[in-house]
C-alpha atoms as a PDB file:
ATOM      1  CA  UNK A   1       0.000   0.000   0.000  1.00  0.00           C
ATOM      2  CA  UNK A   2       1.481   3.329  -1.044  1.00  0.00           C
ATOM      3  CA  UNK A   3       1.206   6.232   1.348  1.00  0.00           C
ATOM      4  CA  UNK A   4       1.671   9.858   0.390  1.00  0.00           C
ATOM      5  CA  UNK A   5       3.691  12.154   2.584  1.00  0.00           C
ATOM      6  CA  UNK A   6       1.777  15.031   4.099  1.00  0.00           C
ATOM      7  CA  UNK A   7       3.012  18.045   6.029  1.00  0.00           C
ATOM      8  CA  UNK A   8       1.829  16.405   9.257  1.00  0.00           C
ATOM      9  CA  UNK A   9       4.316  13.584   8.697  1.00  0.00           C
ATOM     10  CA  UNK A  10       7.358  15.836   8.451  1.00  0.00           C
ATOM     11  CA  UNK A  11       9.526  16.671  11.432  1.00  0.00           C
ATOM     12  CA  UNK A  12       9.950  20.373  12.046  1.00  0.00           C
ATOM     13  CA  UNK A  13      11.550  22.385  14.870  1.00  0.00           C
ATOM     14  CA  UNK A  14       7.995  23.012  16.100  1.00  0.00           C
ATOM     15  CA  UNK A  15       7.125  19.341  16.559  1.00  0.00           C
ATOM     16  CA  UNK A  16      10.371  17.635  17.568  1.00  0.00           C
ATOM     17  CA  UNK A  17      13.511  17.940  19.660  1.00  0.00           C
ATOM     18  CA  UNK A  18      16.848  16.187  20.047  1.00  0.00           C
ATOM     19  CA  UNK A  19      17.816  14.773  23.437  1.00  0.00           C
ATOM     20  CA  UNK A  20      21.528  14.485  24.198  1.00  0.00           C
ATOM     21  CA  UNK A  21      21.729  12.322  27.303  1.00  0.00           C
ATOM     22  CA  UNK A  22      24.686  12.069  29.681  1.00  0.00           C
ATOM     23  CA  UNK A  23      27.474  12.936  27.255  1.00  0.00           C
ATOM     24  CA  UNK A  24      30.181  13.226  29.881  1.00  0.00           C
ATOM     25  CA  UNK A  25      33.810  12.161  29.460  1.00  0.00           C
ATOM     26  CA  UNK A  26      33.431   9.626  32.290  1.00  0.00           C
ATOM     27  CA  UNK A  27      30.629   7.864  30.420  1.00  0.00           C
ATOM     28  CA  UNK A  28      32.868   7.293  27.402  1.00  0.00           C
ATOM     29  CA  UNK A  29      34.990   4.802  29.347  1.00  0.00           C
ATOM     30  CA  UNK A  30      32.195   2.274  28.856  1.00  0.00           C
ATOM     31  CA  UNK A  31      32.328   2.674  25.080  1.00  0.00           C
ATOM     32  CA  UNK A  32      34.527  -0.113  23.770  1.00  0.00           C
ATOM     33  CA  UNK A  33      33.197  -0.925  20.302  1.00  0.00           C
ATOM     34  CA  UNK A  34      33.381   2.657  18.934  1.00  0.00           C
ATOM     35  CA  UNK A  35      36.182   5.156  18.706  1.00  0.00           C
ATOM     36  CA  UNK A  36      35.588   7.522  21.636  1.00  0.00           C
ATOM     37  CA  UNK A  37      36.675  10.573  19.673  1.00  0.00           C
ATOM     38  CA  UNK A  38      34.240   9.639  16.885  1.00  0.00           C
ATOM     39  CA  UNK A  39      31.412   9.473  19.450  1.00  0.00           C
ATOM     40  CA  UNK A  40      32.321  12.974  20.657  1.00  0.00           C
ATOM     41  CA  UNK A  41      32.683  14.346  17.112  1.00  0.00           C
ATOM     42  CA  UNK A  42      29.346  12.867  16.010  1.00  0.00           C
ATOM     43  CA  UNK A  43      27.515  14.353  18.992  1.00  0.00           C
ATOM     44  CA  UNK A  44      29.113  17.765  18.499  1.00  0.00           C
ATOM     45  CA  UNK A  45      28.146  17.641  14.802  1.00  0.00           C
ATOM     46  CA  UNK A  46      24.576  16.730  15.751  1.00  0.00           C
ATOM     47  CA  UNK A  47      24.414  19.625  18.237  1.00  0.00           C
ATOM     48  CA  UNK A  48      25.734  22.065  15.634  1.00  0.00           C
ATOM     49  CA  UNK A  49      23.221  20.822  13.042  1.00  0.00           C
ATOM     50  CA  UNK A  50      20.435  21.353  15.578  1.00  0.00           C
ATOM     51  CA  UNK A  51      21.607  24.918  16.110  1.00  0.00           C
ATOM     52  CA  UNK A  52      21.737  25.607  12.357  1.00  0.00           C
ATOM     53  CA  UNK A  53      18.244  24.197  11.774  1.00  0.00           C
ATOM     54  CA  UNK A  54      16.887  25.720  15.011  1.00  0.00           C
ATOM     55  CA  UNK A  55      15.848  22.348  16.413  1.00  0.00           C
ATOM     56  CA  UNK A  56      15.377  22.426  20.193  1.00  0.00           C
ATOM     57  CA  UNK A  57      17.940  20.432  22.172  1.00  0.00           C
ATOM     58  CA  UNK A  58      17.557  18.960  25.635  1.00  0.00           C
ATOM     59  CA  UNK A  59      20.932  18.331  27.231  1.00  0.00           C
ATOM     60  CA  UNK A  60      20.620  15.984  30.184  1.00  0.00           C
ATOM     61  CA  UNK A  61      23.336  14.955  32.592  1.00  0.00           C
ATOM     62  CA  UNK A  62      23.495  13.080  35.867  1.00  0.00           C
ATOM     63  CA  UNK A  63      26.090  15.319  37.501  1.00  0.00           C
ATOM     64  CA  UNK A  64      27.016  18.838  36.582  1.00  0.00           C
ATOM     65  CA  UNK A  65      29.925  20.867  37.825  1.00  0.00           C
ATOM     66  CA  UNK A  66      33.645  20.515  38.159  1.00  0.00           C
ATOM     67  CA  UNK A  67      35.100  18.363  35.400  1.00  0.00           C
ATOM     68  CA  UNK A  68      31.732  16.712  34.701  1.00  0.00           C
ATOM     69  CA  UNK A  69      30.528  19.137  32.058  1.00  0.00           C
ATOM     70  CA  UNK A  70      28.731  17.509  29.119  1.00  0.00           C
ATOM     71  CA  UNK A  71      30.935  16.993  26.081  1.00  0.00           C
ATOM     72  CA  UNK A  72      29.023  19.023  23.438  1.00  0.00           C
ATOM     73  CA  UNK A  73      28.128  21.973  25.662  1.00  0.00           C
ATOM     74  CA  UNK A  74      30.698  24.186  23.935  1.00  0.00           C
ATOM     75  CA  UNK A  75      29.033  23.663  20.554  1.00  0.00           C
ATOM     76  CA  UNK A  76      25.597  24.692  21.810  1.00  0.00           C
ATOM     77  CA  UNK A  77      26.708  28.163  22.791  1.00  0.00           C
ATOM     78  CA  UNK A  78      25.964  31.049  20.505  1.00  0.00           C
ATOM     79  CA  UNK A  79      28.880  31.908  18.205  1.00  0.00           C
END
């Protein structure tokens, strides 16, 4: 069955968001099957793309402060 795409089916900044969850350096120690730097780079690229396309981002972390700042926080700041 063929289905046509309508405007309601498209994701827009008004009807979606991106959640970046617990992207702290300490959490990357558990990543063994991916290059840790690639994980960081991909998340920073995603955060920058969200900023360009004005997609809301929720940045969640379990502990904030000290050296526990989320990895992509620098890319979410205004230029």
